[in-house]
Amino acid sequence: PTPEPTATVRPASAGWVKWAKKWQAQARRARTRLA
């Protein structure tokens, strides 16, 4: 059979990773305080 072309997944930009990690840090602090 003829192989189907596989889609290449592009990594997230540094901006999106930084944005997500900012909320991760805030969530950690909020969890510590609530605990």
PDB file of all heavy atoms in Angstrom:
ATOM      1  N   PRO A   1       0.827  -1.212   0.000  1.00  0.00           N
ATOM      2  CA  PRO A   1       0.000   0.000   0.000  1.00  0.00           C
ATOM      3  C   PRO A   1       0.859   1.259   0.000  1.00  0.00           C
ATOM      4  O   PRO A   1       1.948   1.293   0.549  1.00  0.00           O
ATOM      5  CB  PRO A   1      -0.787  -0.126   1.315  1.00  0.00           C
ATOM      6  CG  PRO A   1       0.055  -1.007   2.170  1.00  0.00           C
ATOM      7  CD  PRO A   1       0.734  -1.971   1.235  1.00  0.00           C
ATOM      8  N   THR A   2       0.326   2.308  -0.586  1.00  0.00           N
ATOM      9  CA  THR A   2       1.054   3.583  -0.643  1.00  0.00           C
ATOM     10  C   THR A   2       0.990   4.261   0.717  1.00  0.00           C
ATOM     11  O   THR A   2      -0.104   4.479   1.252  1.00  0.00           O
ATOM     12  CB  THR A   2       0.419   4.512  -1.701  1.00  0.00           C
ATOM     13  OG1 THR A   2       0.409   3.827  -2.950  1.00  0.00           O
ATOM     14  CG2 THR A   2       1.197   5.823  -1.800  1.00  0.00           C
ATOM     15  N   PRO A   3       2.101   4.578   1.385  1.00  0.00           N
ATOM     16  CA  PRO A   3       2.061   5.185   2.723  1.00  0.00           C
ATOM     17  C   PRO A   3       1.452   6.576   2.687  1.00  0.00           C
ATOM     18  O   PRO A   3       1.714   7.370   1.778  1.00  0.00           O
ATOM     19  CB  PRO A   3       3.545   5.249   3.128  1.00  0.00           C
ATOM     20  CG  PRO A   3       4.286   5.249   1.840  1.00  0.00           C
ATOM     21  CD  PRO A   3       3.461   4.427   0.887  1.00  0.00           C
ATOM     22  N   GLU A   4       0.580   6.847   3.693  1.00  0.00           N
ATOM     23  CA  GLU A   4      -0.052   8.158   3.776  1.00  0.00           C
ATOM     24  C   GLU A   4       0.917   9.153   4.425  1.00  0.00           C
ATOM     25  O   GLU A   4       1.632   8.813   5.365  1.00  0.00           O
ATOM     26  CB  GLU A   4      -1.325   8.076   4.613  1.00  0.00           C
ATOM     27  CG  GLU A   4      -2.402   7.210   3.973  1.00  0.00           C
ATOM     28  CD  GLU A   4      -3.674   7.221   4.810  1.00  0.00           C
ATOM     29  OE1 GLU A   4      -3.681   7.933   5.838  1.00  0.00           O
ATOM     30  OE2 GLU A   4      -4.630   6.536   4.432  1.00  0.00           O
ATOM     31  N   PRO A   5       0.929  10.357   3.952  1.00  0.00           N
ATOM     32  CA  PRO A   5       1.846  11.354   4.550  1.00  0.00           C
ATOM     33  C   PRO A   5       1.418  11.701   5.971  1.00  0.00           C
ATOM     34  O   PRO A   5       0.237  11.896   6.251  1.00  0.00           O
ATOM     35  CB  PRO A   5       1.694  12.568   3.618  1.00  0.00           C
ATOM     36  CG  PRO A   5       0.352  12.385   2.965  1.00  0.00           C
ATOM     37  CD  PRO A   5       0.160  10.897   2.836  1.00  0.00           C
ATOM     38  N   THR A   6       2.362  11.731   6.932  1.00  0.00           N
ATOM     39  CA  THR A   6       2.075  12.039   8.336  1.00  0.00           C
ATOM     40  C   THR A   6       2.223  13.544   8.568  1.00  0.00           C
ATOM     41  O   THR A   6       3.148  14.176   8.072  1.00  0.00           O
ATOM     42  CB  THR A   6       3.038  11.301   9.273  1.00  0.00           C
ATOM     43  OG1 THR A   6       4.378  11.637   8.917  1.00  0.00           O
ATOM     44  CG2 THR A   6       2.846   9.797   9.166  1.00  0.00           C
ATOM     45  N   ALA A   7       1.278  14.106   9.362  1.00  0.00           N
ATOM     46  CA  ALA A   7       1.310  15.541   9.654  1.00  0.00           C
ATOM     47  C   ALA A   7       2.394  15.829  10.697  1.00  0.00           C
ATOM     48  O   ALA A   7       2.492  15.142  11.704  1.00  0.00           O
ATOM     49  CB  ALA A   7      -0.052  15.992  10.176  1.00  0.00           C
ATOM     50  N   THR A   8       3.180  16.847  10.486  1.00  0.00           N
ATOM     51  CA  THR A   8       4.242  17.233  11.412  1.00  0.00           C
ATOM     52  C   THR A   8       3.675  18.192  12.465  1.00  0.00           C
ATOM     53  O   THR A   8       3.076  19.215  12.120  1.00  0.00           O
ATOM     54  CB  THR A   8       5.390  17.925  10.658  1.00  0.00           C
ATOM     55  OG1 THR A   8       5.868  17.045   9.638  1.00  0.00           O
ATOM     56  CG2 THR A   8       6.521  18.283  11.605  1.00  0.00           C
ATOM     57  N   VAL A   9       3.838  17.849  13.756  1.00  0.00           N
ATOM     58  CA  VAL A   9       3.341  18.687  14.846  1.00  0.00           C
ATOM     59  C   VAL A   9       4.392  19.733  15.174  1.00  0.00           C
ATOM     60  O   VAL A   9       5.525  19.407  15.546  1.00  0.00           O
ATOM     61  CB  VAL A   9       3.025  17.840  16.098  1.00  0.00           C
ATOM     62  CG1 VAL A   9       2.550  18.741  17.235  1.00  0.00           C
ATOM     63  CG2 VAL A   9       1.977  16.793  15.774  1.00  0.00           C
ATOM     64  N   ARG A  10       4.024  20.982  15.055  1.00  0.00           N
ATOM     65  CA  ARG A  10       4.964  22.058  15.353  1.00  0.00           C
ATOM     66  C   ARG A  10       4.934  22.352  16.848  1.00  0.00           C
ATOM     67  O   ARG A  10       3.862  22.485  17.446  1.00  0.00           O
ATOM     68  CB  ARG A  10       4.589  23.317  14.575  1.00  0.00           C
ATOM     69  CG  ARG A  10       4.740  23.176  13.073  1.00  0.00           C
ATOM     70  CD  ARG A  10       4.432  24.496  12.383  1.00  0.00           C
ATOM     71  NE  ARG A  10       5.338  25.539  12.825  1.00  0.00           N
ATOM     72  CZ  ARG A  10       5.230  26.810  12.457  1.00  0.00           C
ATOM     73  NH1 ARG A  10       4.242  27.186  11.653  1.00  0.00           N
ATOM     74  NH2 ARG A  10       6.092  27.712  12.895  1.00  0.00           N
ATOM     75  N   PRO A  11       6.088  22.469  17.505  1.00  0.00           N
ATOM     76  CA  PRO A  11       6.119  22.786  18.936  1.00  0.00           C
ATOM     77  C   PRO A  11       5.517  24.168  19.199  1.00  0.00           C
ATOM     78  O   PRO A  11       5.523  25.040  18.337  1.00  0.00           O
ATOM     79  CB  PRO A  11       7.613  22.759  19.282  1.00  0.00           C
ATOM     80  CG  PRO A  11       8.260  22.000  18.167  1.00  0.00           C
ATOM     81  CD  PRO A  11       7.439  22.253  16.956  1.00  0.00           C
ATOM     82  N   ALA A  12       4.994  24.340  20.399  1.00  0.00           N
ATOM     83  CA  ALA A  12       4.421  25.629  20.779  1.00  0.00           C
ATOM     84  C   ALA A  12       5.510  26.695  20.819  1.00  0.00           C
ATOM     85  O   ALA A  12       6.677  26.403  21.107  1.00  0.00           O
ATOM     86  CB  ALA A  12       3.748  25.520  22.139  1.00  0.00           C
ATOM     87  N   SER A  13       5.137  27.919  20.542  1.00  0.00           N
ATOM     88  CA  SER A  13       6.102  29.021  20.590  1.00  0.00           C
ATOM     89  C   SER A  13       6.490  29.300  22.039  1.00  0.00           C
ATOM     90  O   SER A  13       5.785  28.927  22.988  1.00  0.00           O
ATOM     91  CB  SER A  13       5.488  30.278  19.969  1.00  0.00           C
ATOM     92  OG  SER A  13       4.391  30.721  20.756  1.00  0.00           O
ATOM     93  N   ALA A  14       7.598  29.984  22.211  1.00  0.00           N
ATOM     94  CA  ALA A  14       8.066  30.319  23.561  1.00  0.00           C
ATOM     95  C   ALA A  14       7.060  31.196  24.296  1.00  0.00           C
ATOM     96  O   ALA A  14       6.921  31.120  25.523  1.00  0.00           O
ATOM     97  CB  ALA A  14       9.420  31.023  23.473  1.00  0.00           C
ATOM     98  N   GLY A  15       6.333  32.025  23.546  1.00  0.00           N
ATOM     99  CA  GLY A  15       5.332  32.895  24.163  1.00  0.00           C
ATOM    100  C   GLY A  15       4.200  32.120  24.814  1.00  0.00           C
ATOM    101  O   GLY A  15       3.786  32.424  25.935  1.00  0.00           O
ATOM    102  N   TRP A  16       3.703  31.091  24.119  1.00  0.00           N
ATOM    103  CA  TRP A  16       2.629  30.280  24.684  1.00  0.00           C
ATOM    104  C   TRP A  16       3.106  29.489  25.901  1.00  0.00           C
ATOM    105  O   TRP A  16       2.389  29.361  26.896  1.00  0.00           O
ATOM    106  CB  TRP A  16       2.064  29.327  23.629  1.00  0.00           C
ATOM    107  CG  TRP A  16       1.057  29.958  22.735  1.00  0.00           C
ATOM    108  CD1 TRP A  16       1.144  30.138  21.382  1.00  0.00           C
ATOM    109  CD2 TRP A  16      -0.206  30.520  23.117  1.00  0.00           C
ATOM    110  NE1 TRP A  16       0.037  30.772  20.899  1.00  0.00           N
ATOM    111  CE2 TRP A  16      -0.820  31.013  21.935  1.00  0.00           C
ATOM    112  CE3 TRP A  16      -0.875  30.636  24.324  1.00  0.00           C
ATOM    113  CZ2 TRP A  16      -2.070  31.630  21.943  1.00  0.00           C
ATOM    114  CZ3 TRP A  16      -2.129  31.257  24.343  1.00  0.00           C
ATOM    115  CH2 TRP A  16      -2.716  31.745  23.169  1.00  0.00           C
ATOM    116  N   VAL A  17       4.305  28.975  25.827  1.00  0.00           N
ATOM    117  CA  VAL A  17       4.850  28.216  26.962  1.00  0.00           C
ATOM    118  C   VAL A  17       5.024  29.133  28.172  1.00  0.00           C
ATOM    119  O   VAL A  17       4.677  28.771  29.303  1.00  0.00           O
ATOM    120  CB  VAL A  17       6.198  27.564  26.574  1.00  0.00           C
ATOM    121  CG1 VAL A  17       6.831  26.895  27.788  1.00  0.00           C
ATOM    122  CG2 VAL A  17       5.993  26.547  25.453  1.00  0.00           C
ATOM    123  N   LYS A  18       5.534  30.338  27.954  1.00  0.00           N
ATOM    124  CA  LYS A  18       5.721  31.294  29.050  1.00  0.00           C
ATOM    125  C   LYS A  18       4.386  31.681  29.670  1.00  0.00           C
ATOM    126  O   LYS A  18       4.251  31.764  30.895  1.00  0.00           O
ATOM    127  CB  LYS A  18       6.442  32.531  28.521  1.00  0.00           C
ATOM    128  CG  LYS A  18       6.752  33.569  29.589  1.00  0.00           C
ATOM    129  CD  LYS A  18       7.496  34.760  28.998  1.00  0.00           C
ATOM    130  CE  LYS A  18       7.779  35.816  30.068  1.00  0.00           C
ATOM    131  NZ  LYS A  18       8.502  36.987  29.493  1.00  0.00           N
ATOM    132  N   TRP A  19       3.382  31.916  28.825  1.00  0.00           N
ATOM    133  CA  TRP A  19       2.041  32.263  29.313  1.00  0.00           C
ATOM    134  C   TRP A  19       1.456  31.143  30.175  1.00  0.00           C
ATOM    135  O   TRP A  19       0.927  31.401  31.263  1.00  0.00           O
ATOM    136  CB  TRP A  19       1.129  32.532  28.125  1.00  0.00           C
ATOM    137  CG  TRP A  19      -0.313  32.716  28.494  1.00  0.00           C
ATOM    138  CD1 TRP A  19      -0.905  33.857  28.961  1.00  0.00           C
ATOM    139  CD2 TRP A  19      -1.349  31.730  28.439  1.00  0.00           C
ATOM    140  NE1 TRP A  19      -2.242  33.632  29.207  1.00  0.00           N
ATOM    141  CE2 TRP A  19      -2.542  32.336  28.891  1.00  0.00           C
ATOM    142  CE3 TRP A  19      -1.376  30.394  28.061  1.00  0.00           C
ATOM    143  CZ2 TRP A  19      -3.749  31.647  28.965  1.00  0.00           C
ATOM    144  CZ3 TRP A  19      -2.586  29.702  28.134  1.00  0.00           C
ATOM    145  CH2 TRP A  19      -3.754  30.331  28.573  1.00  0.00           C
ATOM    146  N   ALA A  20       1.580  29.908  29.703  1.00  0.00           N
ATOM    147  CA  ALA A  20       1.035  28.777  30.456  1.00  0.00           C
ATOM    148  C   ALA A  20       1.769  28.583  31.779  1.00  0.00           C
ATOM    149  O   ALA A  20       1.151  28.355  32.827  1.00  0.00           O
ATOM    150  CB  ALA A  20       1.117  27.505  29.616  1.00  0.00           C
ATOM    151  N   LYS A  21       3.099  28.707  31.754  1.00  0.00           N
ATOM    152  CA  LYS A  21       3.874  28.504  32.974  1.00  0.00           C
ATOM    153  C   LYS A  21       3.620  29.597  34.007  1.00  0.00           C
ATOM    154  O   LYS A  21       3.735  29.361  35.213  1.00  0.00           O
ATOM    155  CB  LYS A  21       5.361  28.409  32.638  1.00  0.00           C
ATOM    156  CG  LYS A  21       5.742  27.090  31.973  1.00  0.00           C
ATOM    157  CD  LYS A  21       7.241  26.932  31.845  1.00  0.00           C
ATOM    158  CE  LYS A  21       7.609  25.547  31.329  1.00  0.00           C
ATOM    159  NZ  LYS A  21       9.073  25.358  31.247  1.00  0.00           N
ATOM    160  N   LYS A  22       3.270  30.798  33.534  1.00  0.00           N
ATOM    161  CA  LYS A  22       2.916  31.871  34.466  1.00  0.00           C
ATOM    162  C   LYS A  22       1.690  31.466  35.288  1.00  0.00           C
ATOM    163  O   LYS A  22       1.661  31.630  36.515  1.00  0.00           O
ATOM    164  CB  LYS A  22       2.621  33.157  33.696  1.00  0.00           C
ATOM    165  CG  LYS A  22       2.204  34.332  34.576  1.00  0.00           C
ATOM    166  CD  LYS A  22       1.603  35.469  33.765  1.00  0.00           C
ATOM    167  CE  LYS A  22       0.205  35.117  33.273  1.00  0.00           C
ATOM    168  NZ  LYS A  22      -0.466  36.261  32.629  1.00  0.00           N
ATOM    169  N   TRP A  23       0.676  30.905  34.624  1.00  0.00           N
ATOM    170  CA  TRP A  23      -0.521  30.465  35.336  1.00  0.00           C
ATOM    171  C   TRP A  23      -0.249  29.221  36.180  1.00  0.00           C
ATOM    172  O   TRP A  23      -0.872  29.020  37.223  1.00  0.00           O
ATOM    173  CB  TRP A  23      -1.657  30.222  34.347  1.00  0.00           C
ATOM    174  CG  TRP A  23      -2.266  31.490  33.864  1.00  0.00           C
ATOM    175  CD1 TRP A  23      -2.193  32.032  32.616  1.00  0.00           C
ATOM    176  CD2 TRP A  23      -3.033  32.411  34.659  1.00  0.00           C
ATOM    177  NE1 TRP A  23      -2.861  33.222  32.567  1.00  0.00           N
ATOM    178  CE2 TRP A  23      -3.394  33.478  33.800  1.00  0.00           C
ATOM    179  CE3 TRP A  23      -3.449  32.430  35.980  1.00  0.00           C
ATOM    180  CZ2 TRP A  23      -4.156  34.567  34.251  1.00  0.00           C
ATOM    181  CZ3 TRP A  23      -4.208  33.504  36.427  1.00  0.00           C
ATOM    182  CH2 TRP A  23      -4.554  34.552  35.578  1.00  0.00           C
ATOM    183  N   GLN A  24       0.678  28.389  35.738  1.00  0.00           N
ATOM    184  CA  GLN A  24       1.055  27.233  36.550  1.00  0.00           C
ATOM    185  C   GLN A  24       1.651  27.690  37.880  1.00  0.00           C
ATOM    186  O   GLN A  24       1.314  27.155  38.950  1.00  0.00           O
ATOM    187  CB  GLN A  24       2.053  26.356  35.801  1.00  0.00           C
ATOM    188  CG  GLN A  24       2.438  25.091  36.556  1.00  0.00           C
ATOM    189  CD  GLN A  24       3.573  24.345  35.879  1.00  0.00           C
ATOM    190  OE1 GLN A  24       4.478  24.949  35.314  1.00  0.00           O
ATOM    191  NE2 GLN A  24       3.531  23.018  35.915  1.00  0.00           N
ATOM    192  N   ALA A  25       2.529  28.700  37.834  1.00  0.00           N
ATOM    193  CA  ALA A  25       3.140  29.222  39.058  1.00  0.00           C
ATOM    194  C   ALA A  25       2.096  29.850  39.966  1.00  0.00           C
ATOM    195  O   ALA A  25       2.114  29.649  41.195  1.00  0.00           O
ATOM    196  CB  ALA A  25       4.218  30.244  38.703  1.00  0.00           C
ATOM    197  N   GLN A  26       1.160  30.595  39.387  1.00  0.00           N
ATOM    198  CA  GLN A  26       0.104  31.204  40.196  1.00  0.00           C
ATOM    199  C   GLN A  26      -0.795  30.142  40.820  1.00  0.00           C
ATOM    200  O   GLN A  26      -1.227  30.280  41.968  1.00  0.00           O
ATOM    201  CB  GLN A  26      -0.719  32.173  39.352  1.00  0.00           C
ATOM    202  CG  GLN A  26       0.020  33.434  38.950  1.00  0.00           C
ATOM    203  CD  GLN A  26      -0.909  34.512  38.440  1.00  0.00           C
ATOM    204  OE1 GLN A  26      -2.068  34.592  38.845  1.00  0.00           O
ATOM    205  NE2 GLN A  26      -0.414  35.350  37.546  1.00  0.00           N
ATOM    206  N   ALA A  27      -1.079  29.100  40.066  1.00  0.00           N
ATOM    207  CA  ALA A  27      -1.911  28.020  40.595  1.00  0.00           C
ATOM    208  C   ALA A  27      -1.204  27.306  41.747  1.00  0.00           C
ATOM    209  O   ALA A  27      -1.840  26.927  42.736  1.00  0.00           O
ATOM    210  CB  ALA A  27      -2.254  27.029  39.483  1.00  0.00           C
ATOM    211  N   ARG A  28       0.112  27.124  41.642  1.00  0.00           N
ATOM    212  CA  ARG A  28       0.861  26.486  42.727  1.00  0.00           C
ATOM    213  C   ARG A  28       0.808  27.324  44.001  1.00  0.00           C
ATOM    214  O   ARG A  28       0.602  26.800  45.103  1.00  0.00           O
ATOM    215  CB  ARG A  28       2.309  26.267  42.304  1.00  0.00           C
ATOM    216  CG  ARG A  28       2.508  25.081  41.378  1.00  0.00           C
ATOM    217  CD  ARG A  28       3.937  25.007  40.891  1.00  0.00           C
ATOM    218  NE  ARG A  28       4.170  23.811  40.083  1.00  0.00           N
ATOM    219  CZ  ARG A  28       5.238  23.625  39.322  1.00  0.00           C
ATOM    220  NH1 ARG A  28       6.183  24.563  39.267  1.00  0.00           N
ATOM    221  NH2 ARG A  28       5.380  22.517  38.616  1.00  0.00           N
ATOM    222  N   ARG A  29       1.006  28.643  43.860  1.00  0.00           N
ATOM    223  CA  ARG A  29       0.948  29.523  45.033  1.00  0.00           C
ATOM    224  C   ARG A  29      -0.450  29.529  45.639  1.00  0.00           C
ATOM    225  O   ARG A  29      -0.603  29.490  46.872  1.00  0.00           O
ATOM    226  CB  ARG A  29       1.370  30.948  44.639  1.00  0.00           C
ATOM    227  CG  ARG A  29       2.855  31.094  44.348  1.00  0.00           C
ATOM    228  CD  ARG A  29       3.268  32.548  44.277  1.00  0.00           C
ATOM    229  NE  ARG A  29       2.639  33.244  43.158  1.00  0.00           N
ATOM    230  CZ  ARG A  29       3.179  33.336  41.951  1.00  0.00           C
ATOM    231  NH1 ARG A  29       4.354  32.760  41.692  1.00  0.00           N
ATOM    232  NH2 ARG A  29       2.575  34.011  40.981  1.00  0.00           N
ATOM    233  N   ALA A  30      -1.462  29.561  44.780  1.00  0.00           N
ATOM    234  CA  ALA A  30      -2.838  29.556  45.277  1.00  0.00           C
ATOM    235  C   ALA A  30      -3.158  28.248  45.989  1.00  0.00           C
ATOM    236  O   ALA A  30      -3.844  28.244  47.020  1.00  0.00           O
ATOM    237  CB  ALA A  30      -3.815  29.774  44.122  1.00  0.00           C
ATOM    238  N   ARG A  31      -2.650  27.136  45.458  1.00  0.00           N
ATOM    239  CA  ARG A  31      -2.890  25.842  46.099  1.00  0.00           C
ATOM    240  C   ARG A  31      -2.214  25.775  47.472  1.00  0.00           C
ATOM    241  O   ARG A  31      -2.799  25.275  48.440  1.00  0.00           O
ATOM    242  CB  ARG A  31      -2.365  24.702  45.218  1.00  0.00           C
ATOM    243  CG  ARG A  31      -2.676  23.319  45.786  1.00  0.00           C
ATOM    244  CD  ARG A  31      -2.043  22.212  44.963  1.00  0.00           C
ATOM    245  NE  ARG A  31      -2.436  20.919  45.498  1.00  0.00           N
ATOM    246  CZ  ARG A  31      -1.868  20.327  46.529  1.00  0.00           C
ATOM    247  NH1 ARG A  31      -0.832  20.915  47.150  1.00  0.00           N
ATOM    248  NH2 ARG A  31      -2.301  19.149  46.967  1.00  0.00           N
ATOM    249  N   THR A  32      -0.974  26.287  47.558  1.00  0.00           N
ATOM    250  CA  THR A  32      -0.262  26.289  48.834  1.00  0.00           C
ATOM    251  C   THR A  32      -1.012  27.105  49.878  1.00  0.00           C
ATOM    252  O   THR A  32      -1.161  26.682  51.033  1.00  0.00           O
ATOM    253  CB  THR A  32       1.161  26.859  48.651  1.00  0.00           C
ATOM    254  OG1 THR A  32       1.867  26.035  47.717  1.00  0.00           O
ATOM    255  CG2 THR A  32       1.914  26.887  49.967  1.00  0.00           C
ATOM    256  N   ARG A  33      -1.506  28.275  49.483  1.00  0.00           N
ATOM    257  CA  ARG A  33      -2.242  29.131  50.416  1.00  0.00           C
ATOM    258  C   ARG A  33      -3.551  28.481  50.852  1.00  0.00           C
ATOM    259  O   ARG A  33      -3.893  28.457  52.036  1.00  0.00           O
ATOM    260  CB  ARG A  33      -2.507  30.488  49.765  1.00  0.00           C
ATOM    261  CG  ARG A  33      -3.222  31.489  50.686  1.00  0.00           C
ATOM    262  CD  ARG A  33      -3.361  32.832  49.996  1.00  0.00           C
ATOM    263  NE  ARG A  33      -4.114  33.791  50.792  1.00  0.00           N
ATOM    264  CZ  ARG A  33      -3.589  34.546  51.756  1.00  0.00           C
ATOM    265  NH1 ARG A  33      -2.299  34.463  52.027  1.00  0.00           N
ATOM    266  NH2 ARG A  33      -4.342  35.400  52.429  1.00  0.00           N
ATOM    267  N   LEU A  34      -4.289  27.930  49.885  1.00  0.00           N
ATOM    268  CA  LEU A  34      -5.561  27.289  50.219  1.00  0.00           C
ATOM    269  C   LEU A  34      -5.346  26.059  51.098  1.00  0.00           C
ATOM    270  O   LEU A  34      -6.124  25.801  52.013  1.00  0.00           O
ATOM    271  CB  LEU A  34      -6.310  26.904  48.947  1.00  0.00           C
ATOM    272  CG  LEU A  34      -7.665  26.215  49.155  1.00  0.00           C
ATOM    273  CD1 LEU A  34      -8.609  27.105  49.966  1.00  0.00           C
ATOM    274  CD2 LEU A  34      -8.294  25.846  47.808  1.00  0.00           C
ATOM    275  N   ALA A  35      -4.281  25.295  50.825  1.00  0.00           N
ATOM    276  CA  ALA A  35      -3.981  24.125  51.652  1.00  0.00           C
ATOM    277  C   ALA A  35      -3.730  24.540  53.101  1.00  0.00           C
ATOM    278  O   ALA A  35      -4.179  23.872  54.045  1.00  0.00           O
ATOM    279  CB  ALA A  35      -2.773  23.377  51.097  1.00  0.00           C
TER     280      ALA A  35
END
